[in-house]
Amino acid sequence: MSFISQNKLDDRLSAQQKAREAMVERFRKRPSADDPAVIARNAERKAIAEAREARAEERELARIAEEERKAAEVEAARQAEIARKAAEIEAAAERAREAQAAQKAERDARYAARKAKIKLRR
């Protein structure tokens, strides 16, 4: 396949050399590290990076606080459930004591009635 423009080797080499020189020139025109514009740009980038890190740290602290709050809610709910169950157990025990006392009172009444009946017979 033939080239349309029929480039010769010398043409290609000179184009390559011109491209290299253009890259070197662009590199040399670049501002140095002590240039005020470069210093300002670097300071701005540093400030942006620090702000980004601060926001990330705030988000992390907020996430940790939210986890602690949820853990505290779960613990409070667990403690409330334990207290509710303990109250139910205590109420059941109180009902059992009252029932036992009522049975004892009935038994004592029957015993007293039996004794009174025996006393009347004598």
PDB file of N, CA and C in Angstrom:
ATOM      1  N   MET A   1       0.849  -1.172   0.000  1.00  0.00           N
ATOM      2  CA  MET A   1       0.000   0.000   0.000  1.00  0.00           C
ATOM      3  C   MET A   1       0.889   1.226   0.000  1.00  0.00           C
ATOM      4  N   SER A   2       0.644   2.097  -0.870  1.00  0.00           N
ATOM      5  CA  SER A   2       1.486   3.284  -0.970  1.00  0.00           C
ATOM      6  C   SER A   2       0.882   4.419  -0.161  1.00  0.00           C
ATOM      7  N   PHE A   3       1.727   5.281   0.324  1.00  0.00           N
ATOM      8  CA  PHE A   3       1.268   6.442   1.101  1.00  0.00           C
ATOM      9  C   PHE A   3       0.725   7.492   0.158  1.00  0.00           C
ATOM     10  N   ILE A   4      -0.297   8.185   0.628  1.00  0.00           N
ATOM     11  CA  ILE A   4      -0.935   9.179  -0.220  1.00  0.00           C
ATOM     12  C   ILE A   4       0.001  10.359  -0.466  1.00  0.00           C
ATOM     13  N   SER A   5       0.637  10.823   0.603  1.00  0.00           N
ATOM     14  CA  SER A   5       1.496  12.007   0.445  1.00  0.00           C
ATOM     15  C   SER A   5       2.921  11.641   0.023  1.00  0.00           C
ATOM     16  N   GLN A   6       3.217  10.378  -0.059  1.00  0.00           N
ATOM     17  CA  GLN A   6       4.531   9.909  -0.468  1.00  0.00           C
ATOM     18  C   GLN A   6       5.632  10.512   0.412  1.00  0.00           C
ATOM     19  N   ASN A   7       5.468  10.332   1.768  1.00  0.00           N
ATOM     20  CA  ASN A   7       6.464  10.827   2.720  1.00  0.00           C
ATOM     21  C   ASN A   7       7.785  10.103   2.492  1.00  0.00           C
ATOM     22  N   LYS A   8       8.807  10.871   2.526  1.00  0.00           N
ATOM     23  CA  LYS A   8      10.140  10.285   2.470  1.00  0.00           C
ATOM     24  C   LYS A   8      10.626  10.127   3.909  1.00  0.00           C
ATOM     25  N   LEU A   9      11.638   9.353   4.095  1.00  0.00           N
ATOM     26  CA  LEU A   9      12.195   9.109   5.417  1.00  0.00           C
ATOM     27  C   LEU A   9      12.643  10.418   6.047  1.00  0.00           C
ATOM     28  N   ASP A  10      13.274  11.279   5.271  1.00  0.00           N
ATOM     29  CA  ASP A  10      13.745  12.557   5.811  1.00  0.00           C
ATOM     30  C   ASP A  10      12.576  13.408   6.300  1.00  0.00           C
ATOM     31  N   ASP A  11      11.462  13.382   5.601  1.00  0.00           N
ATOM     32  CA  ASP A  11      10.281  14.148   6.021  1.00  0.00           C
ATOM     33  C   ASP A  11       9.755  13.639   7.360  1.00  0.00           C
ATOM     34  N   ARG A  12       9.688  12.338   7.483  1.00  0.00           N
ATOM     35  CA  ARG A  12       9.186  11.758   8.744  1.00  0.00           C
ATOM     36  C   ARG A  12      10.130  12.041   9.893  1.00  0.00           C
ATOM     37  N   LEU A  13      11.423  11.939   9.654  1.00  0.00           N
ATOM     38  CA  LEU A  13      12.393  12.221  10.722  1.00  0.00           C
ATOM     39  C   LEU A  13      12.340  13.681  11.138  1.00  0.00           C
ATOM     40  N   SER A  14      12.203  14.593  10.198  1.00  0.00           N
ATOM     41  CA  SER A  14      12.137  16.015  10.556  1.00  0.00           C
ATOM     42  C   SER A  14      10.843  16.310  11.321  1.00  0.00           C
ATOM     43  N   ALA A  15       9.740  15.672  10.965  1.00  0.00           N
ATOM     44  CA  ALA A  15       8.475  15.861  11.689  1.00  0.00           C
ATOM     45  C   ALA A  15       8.611  15.340  13.120  1.00  0.00           C
ATOM     46  N   GLN A  16       9.299  14.208  13.268  1.00  0.00           N
ATOM     47  CA  GLN A  16       9.531  13.643  14.590  1.00  0.00           C
ATOM     48  C   GLN A  16      10.391  14.580  15.429  1.00  0.00           C
ATOM     49  N   GLN A  17      11.417  15.132  14.840  1.00  0.00           N
ATOM     50  CA  GLN A  17      12.308  16.047  15.548  1.00  0.00           C
ATOM     51  C   GLN A  17      11.547  17.308  15.975  1.00  0.00           C
ATOM     52  N   LYS A  18      10.698  17.836  15.098  1.00  0.00           N
ATOM     53  CA  LYS A  18       9.904  19.025  15.431  1.00  0.00           C
ATOM     54  C   LYS A  18       8.949  18.724  16.588  1.00  0.00           C
ATOM     55  N   ALA A  19       8.367  17.544  16.594  1.00  0.00           N
ATOM     56  CA  ALA A  19       7.452  17.166  17.675  1.00  0.00           C
ATOM     57  C   ALA A  19       8.198  17.066  19.000  1.00  0.00           C
ATOM     58  N   ARG A  20       9.395  16.491  18.978  1.00  0.00           N
ATOM     59  CA  ARG A  20      10.215  16.407  20.192  1.00  0.00           C
ATOM     60  C   ARG A  20      10.567  17.790  20.706  1.00  0.00           C
ATOM     61  N   GLU A  21      10.974  18.656  19.805  1.00  0.00           N
ATOM     62  CA  GLU A  21      11.332  20.014  20.208  1.00  0.00           C
ATOM     63  C   GLU A  21      10.126  20.749  20.779  1.00  0.00           C
ATOM     64  N   ALA A  22       8.947  20.525  20.230  1.00  0.00           N
ATOM     65  CA  ALA A  22       7.736  21.155  20.750  1.00  0.00           C
ATOM     66  C   ALA A  22       7.432  20.652  22.161  1.00  0.00           C
ATOM     67  N   MET A  23       7.619  19.350  22.411  1.00  0.00           N
ATOM     68  CA  MET A  23       7.389  18.800  23.750  1.00  0.00           C
ATOM     69  C   MET A  23       8.388  19.369  24.740  1.00  0.00           C
ATOM     70  N   VAL A  24       9.652  19.458  24.345  1.00  0.00           N
ATOM     71  CA  VAL A  24      10.676  20.017  25.229  1.00  0.00           C
ATOM     72  C   VAL A  24      10.364  21.487  25.530  1.00  0.00           C
ATOM     73  N   GLU A  25       9.935  22.213  24.526  1.00  0.00           N
ATOM     74  CA  GLU A  25       9.600  23.627  24.720  1.00  0.00           C
ATOM     75  C   GLU A  25       8.422  23.777  25.694  1.00  0.00           C
ATOM     76  N   ARG A  26       7.414  22.929  25.525  1.00  0.00           N
ATOM     77  CA  ARG A  26       6.277  22.974  26.453  1.00  0.00           C
ATOM     78  C   ARG A  26       6.736  22.663  27.871  1.00  0.00           C
ATOM     79  N   PHE A  27       7.649  21.714  28.010  1.00  0.00           N
ATOM     80  CA  PHE A  27       8.171  21.360  29.326  1.00  0.00           C
ATOM     81  C   PHE A  27       8.943  22.524  29.926  1.00  0.00           C
ATOM     82  N   ARG A  28       9.736  23.217  29.122  1.00  0.00           N
ATOM     83  CA  ARG A  28      10.529  24.341  29.619  1.00  0.00           C
ATOM     84  C   ARG A  28       9.663  25.539  29.982  1.00  0.00           C
ATOM     85  N   LYS A  29       8.547  25.722  29.275  1.00  0.00           N
ATOM     86  CA  LYS A  29       7.658  26.845  29.556  1.00  0.00           C
ATOM     87  C   LYS A  29       6.847  26.638  30.827  1.00  0.00           C
ATOM     88  N   ARG A  30       6.804  25.403  31.296  1.00  0.00           N
ATOM     89  CA  ARG A  30       6.051  25.113  32.509  1.00  0.00           C
ATOM     90  C   ARG A  30       6.583  25.963  33.658  1.00  0.00           C
ATOM     91  N   PRO A  31       5.713  26.510  34.527  1.00  0.00           N
ATOM     92  CA  PRO A  31       6.200  27.326  35.638  1.00  0.00           C
ATOM     93  C   PRO A  31       6.966  26.459  36.644  1.00  0.00           C
ATOM     94  N   SER A  32       7.936  27.071  37.295  1.00  0.00           N
ATOM     95  CA  SER A  32       8.749  26.327  38.261  1.00  0.00           C
ATOM     96  C   SER A  32       7.981  26.168  39.576  1.00  0.00           C
ATOM     97  N   ALA A  33       8.533  25.392  40.485  1.00  0.00           N
ATOM     98  CA  ALA A  33       7.870  25.102  41.749  1.00  0.00           C
ATOM     99  C   ALA A  33       7.766  26.331  42.639  1.00  0.00           C
ATOM    100  N   ASP A  34       8.649  27.312  42.466  1.00  0.00           N
ATOM    101  CA  ASP A  34       8.603  28.500  43.315  1.00  0.00           C
ATOM    102  C   ASP A  34       7.780  29.635  42.692  1.00  0.00           C
ATOM    103  N   ASP A  35       7.074  29.340  41.618  1.00  0.00           N
ATOM    104  CA  ASP A  35       6.204  30.321  40.979  1.00  0.00           C
ATOM    105  C   ASP A  35       4.978  30.557  41.871  1.00  0.00           C
ATOM    106  N   PRO A  36       4.562  31.819  42.070  1.00  0.00           N
ATOM    107  CA  PRO A  36       3.415  32.088  42.949  1.00  0.00           C
ATOM    108  C   PRO A  36       2.125  31.388  42.503  1.00  0.00           C
ATOM    109  N   ALA A  37       1.918  31.283  41.215  1.00  0.00           N
ATOM    110  CA  ALA A  37       0.712  30.602  40.737  1.00  0.00           C
ATOM    111  C   ALA A  37       0.741  29.121  41.113  1.00  0.00           C
ATOM    112  N   VAL A  38       1.895  28.494  40.993  1.00  0.00           N
ATOM    113  CA  VAL A  38       2.028  27.078  41.354  1.00  0.00           C
ATOM    114  C   VAL A  38       1.849  26.910  42.862  1.00  0.00           C
ATOM    115  N   ILE A  39       2.445  27.801  43.621  1.00  0.00           N
ATOM    116  CA  ILE A  39       2.318  27.733  45.084  1.00  0.00           C
ATOM    117  C   ILE A  39       0.856  27.893  45.490  1.00  0.00           C
ATOM    118  N   ALA A  40       0.171  28.860  44.866  1.00  0.00           N
ATOM    119  CA  ALA A  40      -1.240  29.080  45.191  1.00  0.00           C
ATOM    120  C   ALA A  40      -2.075  27.862  44.808  1.00  0.00           C
ATOM    121  N   ARG A  41      -1.832  27.293  43.641  1.00  0.00           N
ATOM    122  CA  ARG A  41      -2.579  26.124  43.199  1.00  0.00           C
ATOM    123  C   ARG A  41      -2.344  24.938  44.139  1.00  0.00           C
ATOM    124  N   ASN A  42      -1.078  24.746  44.544  1.00  0.00           N
ATOM    125  CA  ASN A  42      -0.771  23.655  45.473  1.00  0.00           C
ATOM    126  C   ASN A  42      -1.442  23.877  46.819  1.00  0.00           C
ATOM    127  N   ALA A  43      -1.444  25.143  47.299  1.00  0.00           N
ATOM    128  CA  ALA A  43      -2.098  25.445  48.573  1.00  0.00           C
ATOM    129  C   ALA A  43      -3.600  25.180  48.475  1.00  0.00           C
ATOM    130  N   GLU A  44      -4.199  25.551  47.339  1.00  0.00           N
ATOM    131  CA  GLU A  44      -5.630  25.316  47.147  1.00  0.00           C
ATOM    132  C   GLU A  44      -5.927  23.816  47.130  1.00  0.00           C
ATOM    133  N   ARG A  45      -5.104  23.050  46.441  1.00  0.00           N
ATOM    134  CA  ARG A  45      -5.291  21.599  46.400  1.00  0.00           C
ATOM    135  C   ARG A  45      -5.149  20.990  47.795  1.00  0.00           C
ATOM    136  N   LYS A  46      -4.173  21.505  48.559  1.00  0.00           N
ATOM    137  CA  LYS A  46      -3.964  20.997  49.913  1.00  0.00           C
ATOM    138  C   LYS A  46      -5.170  21.323  50.789  1.00  0.00           C
ATOM    139  N   ALA A  47      -5.708  22.541  50.665  1.00  0.00           N
ATOM    140  CA  ALA A  47      -6.882  22.930  51.448  1.00  0.00           C
ATOM    141  C   ALA A  47      -8.084  22.060  51.086  1.00  0.00           C
ATOM    142  N   ILE A  48      -8.258  21.794  49.795  1.00  0.00           N
ATOM    143  CA  ILE A  48      -9.369  20.940  49.356  1.00  0.00           C
ATOM    144  C   ILE A  48      -9.212  19.531  49.923  1.00  0.00           C
ATOM    145  N   ALA A  49      -7.985  19.014  49.882  1.00  0.00           N
ATOM    146  CA  ALA A  49      -7.735  17.666  50.405  1.00  0.00           C
ATOM    147  C   ALA A  49      -7.996  17.610  51.912  1.00  0.00           C
ATOM    148  N   GLU A  50      -7.567  18.643  52.636  1.00  0.00           N
ATOM    149  CA  GLU A  50      -7.788  18.674  54.086  1.00  0.00           C
ATOM    150  C   GLU A  50      -9.281  18.771  54.399  1.00  0.00           C
ATOM    151  N   ALA A  51     -10.000  19.592  53.622  1.00  0.00           N
ATOM    152  CA  ALA A  51     -11.443  19.700  53.831  1.00  0.00           C
ATOM    153  C   ALA A  51     -12.127  18.364  53.557  1.00  0.00           C
ATOM    154  N   ARG A  52     -11.691  17.674  52.514  1.00  0.00           N
ATOM    155  CA  ARG A  52     -12.248  16.361  52.178  1.00  0.00           C
ATOM    156  C   ARG A  52     -11.998  15.375  53.321  1.00  0.00           C
ATOM    157  N   GLU A  53     -10.786  15.391  53.862  1.00  0.00           N
ATOM    158  CA  GLU A  53     -10.458  14.499  54.974  1.00  0.00           C
ATOM    159  C   GLU A  53     -11.289  14.841  56.211  1.00  0.00           C
ATOM    160  N   ALA A  54     -11.485  16.144  56.459  1.00  0.00           N
ATOM    161  CA  ALA A  54     -12.288  16.558  57.613  1.00  0.00           C
ATOM    162  C   ALA A  54     -13.736  16.091  57.456  1.00  0.00           C
ATOM    163  N   ARG A  55     -14.289  16.232  56.251  1.00  0.00           N
ATOM    164  CA  ARG A  55     -15.660  15.764  56.025  1.00  0.00           C
ATOM    165  C   ARG A  55     -15.756  14.253  56.196  1.00  0.00           C
ATOM    166  N   ALA A  56     -14.749  13.537  55.716  1.00  0.00           N
ATOM    167  CA  ALA A  56     -14.754  12.078  55.865  1.00  0.00           C
ATOM    168  C   ALA A  56     -14.690  11.699  57.342  1.00  0.00           C
ATOM    169  N   GLU A  57     -13.885  12.419  58.105  1.00  0.00           N
ATOM    170  CA  GLU A  57     -13.771  12.152  59.535  1.00  0.00           C
ATOM    171  C   GLU A  57     -15.089  12.470  60.241  1.00  0.00           C
ATOM    172  N   GLU A  58     -15.741  13.558  59.848  1.00  0.00           N
ATOM    173  CA  GLU A  58     -17.043  13.902  60.433  1.00  0.00           C
ATOM    174  C   GLU A  58     -18.077  12.824  60.120  1.00  0.00           C
ATOM    175  N   ARG A  59     -18.064  12.341  58.885  1.00  0.00           N
ATOM    176  CA  ARG A  59     -18.998  11.277  58.523  1.00  0.00           C
ATOM    177  C   ARG A  59     -18.730  10.022  59.347  1.00  0.00           C
ATOM    178  N   GLU A  60     -17.467   9.713  59.545  1.00  0.00           N
ATOM    179  CA  GLU A  60     -17.113   8.527  60.332  1.00  0.00           C
ATOM    180  C   GLU A  60     -17.573   8.696  61.781  1.00  0.00           C
ATOM    181  N   LEU A  61     -17.346   9.890  62.341  1.00  0.00           N
ATOM    182  CA  LEU A  61     -17.791  10.148  63.715  1.00  0.00           C
ATOM    183  C   LEU A  61     -19.313  10.080  63.811  1.00  0.00           C
ATOM    184  N   ALA A  62     -20.004  10.602  62.812  1.00  0.00           N
ATOM    185  CA  ALA A  62     -21.470  10.540  62.810  1.00  0.00           C
ATOM    186  C   ALA A  62     -21.941   9.090  62.715  1.00  0.00           C
ATOM    187  N   ARG A  63     -21.261   8.295  61.894  1.00  0.00           N
ATOM    188  CA  ARG A  63     -21.621   6.884  61.761  1.00  0.00           C
ATOM    189  C   ARG A  63     -21.418   6.150  63.086  1.00  0.00           C
ATOM    190  N   ILE A  64     -20.296   6.433  63.750  1.00  0.00           N
ATOM    191  CA  ILE A  64     -20.017   5.792  65.035  1.00  0.00           C
ATOM    192  C   ILE A  64     -21.053   6.213  66.075  1.00  0.00           C
ATOM    193  N   ALA A  65     -21.389   7.517  66.100  1.00  0.00           N
ATOM    194  CA  ALA A  65     -22.393   8.002  67.042  1.00  0.00           C
ATOM    195  C   ALA A  65     -23.746   7.351  66.776  1.00  0.00           C
ATOM    196  N   GLU A  66     -24.095   7.184  65.518  1.00  0.00           N
ATOM    197  CA  GLU A  66     -25.367   6.541  65.165  1.00  0.00           C
ATOM    198  C   GLU A  66     -25.369   5.079  65.613  1.00  0.00           C
ATOM    199  N   GLU A  67     -24.252   4.385  65.421  1.00  0.00           N
ATOM    200  CA  GLU A  67     -24.154   2.991  65.875  1.00  0.00           C
ATOM    201  C   GLU A  67     -24.288   2.910  67.389  1.00  0.00           C
ATOM    202  N   GLU A  68     -23.630   3.839  68.104  1.00  0.00           N
ATOM    203  CA  GLU A  68     -23.727   3.848  69.563  1.00  0.00           C
ATOM    204  C   GLU A  68     -25.151   4.144  70.009  1.00  0.00           C
ATOM    205  N   ARG A  69     -25.833   5.076  69.307  1.00  0.00           N
ATOM    206  CA  ARG A  69     -27.209   5.408  69.659  1.00  0.00           C
ATOM    207  C   ARG A  69     -28.117   4.198  69.446  1.00  0.00           C
ATOM    208  N   LYS A  70     -27.921   3.503  68.319  1.00  0.00           N
ATOM    209  CA  LYS A  70     -28.730   2.313  68.053  1.00  0.00           C
ATOM    210  C   LYS A  70     -28.457   1.224  69.081  1.00  0.00           C
ATOM    211  N   ALA A  71     -27.189   1.062  69.439  1.00  0.00           N
ATOM    212  CA  ALA A  71     -26.843   0.063  70.453  1.00  0.00           C
ATOM    213  C   ALA A  71     -27.485   0.422  71.792  1.00  0.00           C
ATOM    214  N   ALA A  72     -27.493   1.713  72.131  1.00  0.00           N
ATOM    215  CA  ALA A  72     -28.120   2.148  73.380  1.00  0.00           C
ATOM    216  C   ALA A  72     -29.631   1.907  73.335  1.00  0.00           C
ATOM    217  N   GLU A  73     -30.260   2.153  72.179  1.00  0.00           N
ATOM    218  CA  GLU A  73     -31.698   1.890  72.048  1.00  0.00           C
ATOM    219  C   GLU A  73     -31.993   0.401  72.220  1.00  0.00           C
ATOM    220  N   VAL A  74     -31.176  -0.432  71.589  1.00  0.00           N
ATOM    221  CA  VAL A  74     -31.366  -1.879  71.705  1.00  0.00           C
ATOM    222  C   VAL A  74     -31.195  -2.315  73.155  1.00  0.00           C
ATOM    223  N   GLU A  75     -30.186  -1.782  73.824  1.00  0.00           N
ATOM    224  CA  GLU A  75     -29.937  -2.138  75.224  1.00  0.00           C
ATOM    225  C   GLU A  75     -31.085  -1.659  76.103  1.00  0.00           C
ATOM    226  N   ALA A  76     -31.596  -0.447  75.847  1.00  0.00           N
ATOM    227  CA  ALA A  76     -32.722   0.068  76.631  1.00  0.00           C
ATOM    228  C   ALA A  76     -33.959  -0.800  76.411  1.00  0.00           C
ATOM    229  N   ALA A  77     -34.193  -1.204  75.172  1.00  0.00           N
ATOM    230  CA  ALA A  77     -35.332  -2.075  74.883  1.00  0.00           C
ATOM    231  C   ALA A  77     -35.164  -3.423  75.583  1.00  0.00           C
ATOM    232  N   ARG A  78     -33.953  -3.933  75.583  1.00  0.00           N
ATOM    233  CA  ARG A  78     -33.687  -5.210  76.257  1.00  0.00           C
ATOM    234  C   ARG A  78     -33.914  -5.087  77.758  1.00  0.00           C
ATOM    235  N   GLN A  79     -33.434  -3.987  78.344  1.00  0.00           N
ATOM    236  CA  GLN A  79     -33.621  -3.765  79.785  1.00  0.00           C
ATOM    237  C   GLN A  79     -35.110  -3.605  80.110  1.00  0.00           C
ATOM    238  N   ALA A  80     -35.853  -2.903  79.238  1.00  0.00           N
ATOM    239  CA  ALA A  80     -37.289  -2.734  79.460  1.00  0.00           C
ATOM    240  C   ALA A  80     -38.004  -4.079  79.396  1.00  0.00           C
ATOM    241  N   GLU A  81     -37.596  -4.922  78.460  1.00  0.00           N
ATOM    242  CA  GLU A  81     -38.191  -6.258  78.344  1.00  0.00           C
ATOM    243  C   GLU A  81     -37.878  -7.094  79.583  1.00  0.00           C
ATOM    244  N   ILE A  82     -36.654  -6.992  80.056  1.00  0.00           N
ATOM    245  CA  ILE A  82     -36.278  -7.725  81.278  1.00  0.00           C
ATOM    246  C   ILE A  82     -37.102  -7.234  82.459  1.00  0.00           C
ATOM    247  N   ALA A  83     -37.261  -5.913  82.573  1.00  0.00           N
ATOM    248  CA  ALA A  83     -38.047  -5.348  83.672  1.00  0.00           C
ATOM    249  C   ALA A  83     -39.505  -5.770  83.563  1.00  0.00           C
ATOM    250  N   ARG A  84     -40.049  -5.784  82.326  1.00  0.00           N
ATOM    251  CA  ARG A  84     -41.437  -6.191  82.124  1.00  0.00           C
ATOM    252  C   ARG A  84     -41.631  -7.655  82.519  1.00  0.00           C
ATOM    253  N   LYS A  85     -40.698  -8.506  82.111  1.00  0.00           N
ATOM    254  CA  LYS A  85     -40.801  -9.925  82.459  1.00  0.00           C
ATOM    255  C   LYS A  85     -40.679 -10.130  83.966  1.00  0.00           C
ATOM    256  N   ALA A  86     -39.763  -9.373  84.591  1.00  0.00           N
ATOM    257  CA  ALA A  86     -39.612  -9.475  86.045  1.00  0.00           C
ATOM    258  C   ALA A  86     -40.890  -9.033  86.747  1.00  0.00           C
ATOM    259  N   ALA A  87     -41.539  -7.971  86.242  1.00  0.00           N
ATOM    260  CA  ALA A  87     -42.797  -7.511  86.829  1.00  0.00           C
ATOM    261  C   ALA A  87     -43.889  -8.563  86.647  1.00  0.00           C
ATOM    262  N   GLU A  88     -43.929  -9.195  85.482  1.00  0.00           N
ATOM    263  CA  GLU A  88     -44.914 -10.259  85.251  1.00  0.00           C
ATOM    264  C   GLU A  88     -44.688 -11.425  86.203  1.00  0.00           C
ATOM    265  N   ILE A  89     -43.429 -11.791  86.376  1.00  0.00           N
ATOM    266  CA  ILE A  89     -43.101 -12.899  87.289  1.00  0.00           C
ATOM    267  C   ILE A  89     -43.490 -12.537  88.715  1.00  0.00           C
ATOM    268  N   GLU A  90     -43.190 -11.308  89.117  1.00  0.00           N
ATOM    269  CA  GLU A  90     -43.529 -10.856  90.477  1.00  0.00           C
ATOM    270  C   GLU A  90     -45.046 -10.826  90.664  1.00  0.00           C
ATOM    271  N   ALA A  91     -45.773 -10.361  89.619  1.00  0.00           N
ATOM    272  CA  ALA A  91     -47.233 -10.323  89.709  1.00  0.00           C
ATOM    273  C   ALA A  91     -47.795 -11.736  89.804  1.00  0.00           C
ATOM    274  N   ALA A  92     -47.251 -12.657  89.031  1.00  0.00           N
ATOM    275  CA  ALA A  92     -47.703 -14.052  89.090  1.00  0.00           C
ATOM    276  C   ALA A  92     -47.415 -14.646  90.460  1.00  0.00           C
ATOM    277  N   ALA A  93     -46.258 -14.338  91.020  1.00  0.00           N
ATOM    278  CA  ALA A  93     -45.914 -14.844  92.353  1.00  0.00           C
ATOM    279  C   ALA A  93     -46.855 -14.253  93.401  1.00  0.00           C
ATOM    280  N   GLU A  94     -47.186 -12.979  93.258  1.00  0.00           N
ATOM    281  CA  GLU A  94     -48.111 -12.336  94.201  1.00  0.00           C
ATOM    282  C   GLU A  94     -49.500 -12.969  94.111  1.00  0.00           C
ATOM    283  N   ARG A  95     -49.968 -13.229  92.882  1.00  0.00           N
ATOM    284  CA  ARG A  95     -51.264 -13.891  92.710  1.00  0.00           C
ATOM    285  C   ARG A  95     -51.232 -15.288  93.339  1.00  0.00           C
ATOM    286  N   ALA A  96     -50.117 -15.990  93.179  1.00  0.00           N
ATOM    287  CA  ALA A  96     -49.991 -17.323  93.763  1.00  0.00           C
ATOM    288  C   ALA A  96     -50.020 -17.244  95.286  1.00  0.00           C
ATOM    289  N   ARG A  97     -49.336 -16.248  95.868  1.00  0.00           N
ATOM    290  CA  ARG A  97     -49.344 -16.077  97.331  1.00  0.00           C
ATOM    291  C   ARG A  97     -50.756 -15.755  97.823  1.00  0.00           C
ATOM    292  N   GLU A  98     -51.457 -14.880  97.063  1.00  0.00           N
ATOM    293  CA  GLU A  98     -52.829 -14.533  97.463  1.00  0.00           C
ATOM    294  C   GLU A  98     -53.743 -15.753  97.378  1.00  0.00           C
ATOM    295  N   ALA A  99     -53.593 -16.540  96.317  1.00  0.00           N
ATOM    296  CA  ALA A  99     -54.404 -17.750  96.176  1.00  0.00           C
ATOM    297  C   ALA A  99     -54.100 -18.728  97.295  1.00  0.00           C
ATOM    298  N   GLN A 100     -52.835 -18.855  97.627  1.00  0.00           N
ATOM    299  CA  GLN A 100     -52.430 -19.755  98.710  1.00  0.00           C
ATOM    300  C   GLN A 100     -52.990 -19.263 100.035  1.00  0.00           C
ATOM    301  N   ALA A 101     -52.945 -17.947 100.239  1.00  0.00           N
ATOM    302  CA  ALA A 101     -53.492 -17.388 101.477  1.00  0.00           C
ATOM    303  C   ALA A 101     -55.004 -17.605 101.532  1.00  0.00           C
ATOM    304  N   ALA A 102     -55.686 -17.458 100.392  1.00  0.00           N
ATOM    305  CA  ALA A 102     -57.133 -17.688 100.362  1.00  0.00           C
ATOM    306  C   ALA A 102     -57.440 -19.150 100.648  1.00  0.00           C
ATOM    307  N   GLN A 103     -56.671 -20.071 100.066  1.00  0.00           N
ATOM    308  CA  GLN A 103     -56.879 -21.490 100.347  1.00  0.00           C
ATOM    309  C   GLN A 103     -56.657 -21.795 101.827  1.00  0.00           C
ATOM    310  N   LYS A 104     -55.618 -21.182 102.398  1.00  0.00           N
ATOM    311  CA  LYS A 104     -55.319 -21.401 103.827  1.00  0.00           C
ATOM    312  C   LYS A 104     -56.451 -20.864 104.681  1.00  0.00           C
ATOM    313  N   ALA A 105     -56.966 -19.678 104.290  1.00  0.00           N
ATOM    314  CA  ALA A 105     -58.074 -19.111 105.056  1.00  0.00           C
ATOM    315  C   ALA A 105     -59.300 -20.013 104.977  1.00  0.00           C
ATOM    316  N   GLU A 106     -59.604 -20.560 103.787  1.00  0.00           N
ATOM    317  CA  GLU A 106     -60.722 -21.487 103.645  1.00  0.00           C
ATOM    318  C   GLU A 106     -60.496 -22.742 104.477  1.00  0.00           C
ATOM    319  N   ARG A 107     -59.278 -23.261 104.430  1.00  0.00           N
ATOM    320  CA  ARG A 107     -58.948 -24.466 105.202  1.00  0.00           C
ATOM    321  C   ARG A 107     -59.082 -24.196 106.694  1.00  0.00           C
ATOM    322  N   ASP A 108     -58.576 -23.039 107.128  1.00  0.00           N
ATOM    323  CA  ASP A 108     -58.676 -22.669 108.544  1.00  0.00           C
ATOM    324  C   ASP A 108     -60.138 -22.487 108.956  1.00  0.00           C
ATOM    325  N   ALA A 109     -60.931 -21.915 108.038  1.00  0.00           N
ATOM    326  CA  ALA A 109     -62.360 -21.736 108.343  1.00  0.00           C
ATOM    327  C   ALA A 109     -63.039 -23.089 108.477  1.00  0.00           C
ATOM    328  N   ARG A 110     -62.708 -24.024 107.589  1.00  0.00           N
ATOM    329  CA  ARG A 110     -63.292 -25.360 107.683  1.00  0.00           C
ATOM    330  C   ARG A 110     -62.850 -26.045 108.982  1.00  0.00           C
ATOM    331  N   TYR A 111     -61.589 -25.918 109.306  1.00  0.00           N
ATOM    332  CA  TYR A 111     -61.061 -26.517 110.535  1.00  0.00           C
ATOM    333  C   TYR A 111     -61.754 -25.912 111.749  1.00  0.00           C
ATOM    334  N   ALA A 112     -61.921 -24.596 111.755  1.00  0.00           N
ATOM    335  CA  ALA A 112     -62.575 -23.927 112.881  1.00  0.00           C
ATOM    336  C   ALA A 112     -64.039 -24.360 112.972  1.00  0.00           C
ATOM    337  N   ALA A 113     -64.688 -24.502 111.824  1.00  0.00           N
ATOM    338  CA  ALA A 113     -66.084 -24.936 111.828  1.00  0.00           C
ATOM    339  C   ALA A 113     -66.187 -26.356 112.365  1.00  0.00           C
ATOM    340  N   ARG A 114     -65.244 -27.213 111.955  1.00  0.00           N
ATOM    341  CA  ARG A 114     -65.247 -28.588 112.437  1.00  0.00           C
ATOM    342  C   ARG A 114     -65.020 -28.626 113.944  1.00  0.00           C
ATOM    343  N   LYS A 115     -64.100 -27.811 114.439  1.00  0.00           N
ATOM    344  CA  LYS A 115     -63.813 -27.753 115.879  1.00  0.00           C
ATOM    345  C   LYS A 115     -65.027 -27.238 116.635  1.00  0.00           C
ATOM    346  N   ALA A 116     -65.679 -26.203 116.028  1.00  0.00           N
ATOM    347  CA  ALA A 116     -66.874 -25.649 116.708  1.00  0.00           C
ATOM    348  C   ALA A 116     -67.975 -26.695 116.748  1.00  0.00           C
ATOM    349  N   LYS A 117     -68.121 -27.484 115.706  1.00  0.00           N
ATOM    350  CA  LYS A 117     -69.132 -28.513 115.640  1.00  0.00           C
ATOM    351  C   LYS A 117     -68.873 -29.571 116.706  1.00  0.00           C
ATOM    352  N   ILE A 118     -67.590 -29.943 116.851  1.00  0.00           N
ATOM    353  CA  ILE A 118     -67.215 -30.938 117.842  1.00  0.00           C
ATOM    354  C   ILE A 118     -67.460 -30.386 119.254  1.00  0.00           C
ATOM    355  N   LYS A 119     -67.198 -29.130 119.444  1.00  0.00           N
ATOM    356  CA  LYS A 119     -67.357 -28.482 120.732  1.00  0.00           C
ATOM    357  C   LYS A 119     -68.840 -28.436 121.099  1.00  0.00           C
ATOM    358  N   LEU A 120     -69.698 -28.225 120.143  1.00  0.00           N
ATOM    359  CA  LEU A 120     -71.137 -28.179 120.392  1.00  0.00           C
ATOM    360  C   LEU A 120     -71.654 -29.562 120.796  1.00  0.00           C
ATOM    361  N   ARG A 121     -71.092 -30.604 120.262  1.00  0.00           N
ATOM    362  CA  ARG A 121     -71.523 -31.953 120.588  1.00  0.00           C
ATOM    363  C   ARG A 121     -71.170 -32.321 122.002  1.00  0.00           C
ATOM    364  N   ARG A 122     -70.216 -31.839 122.584  1.00  0.00           N
ATOM    365  CA  ARG A 122     -69.778 -32.215 123.916  1.00  0.00           C
ATOM    366  C   ARG A 122     -70.614 -31.622 124.944  1.00  0.00           C
TER     367      ARG A 122
END
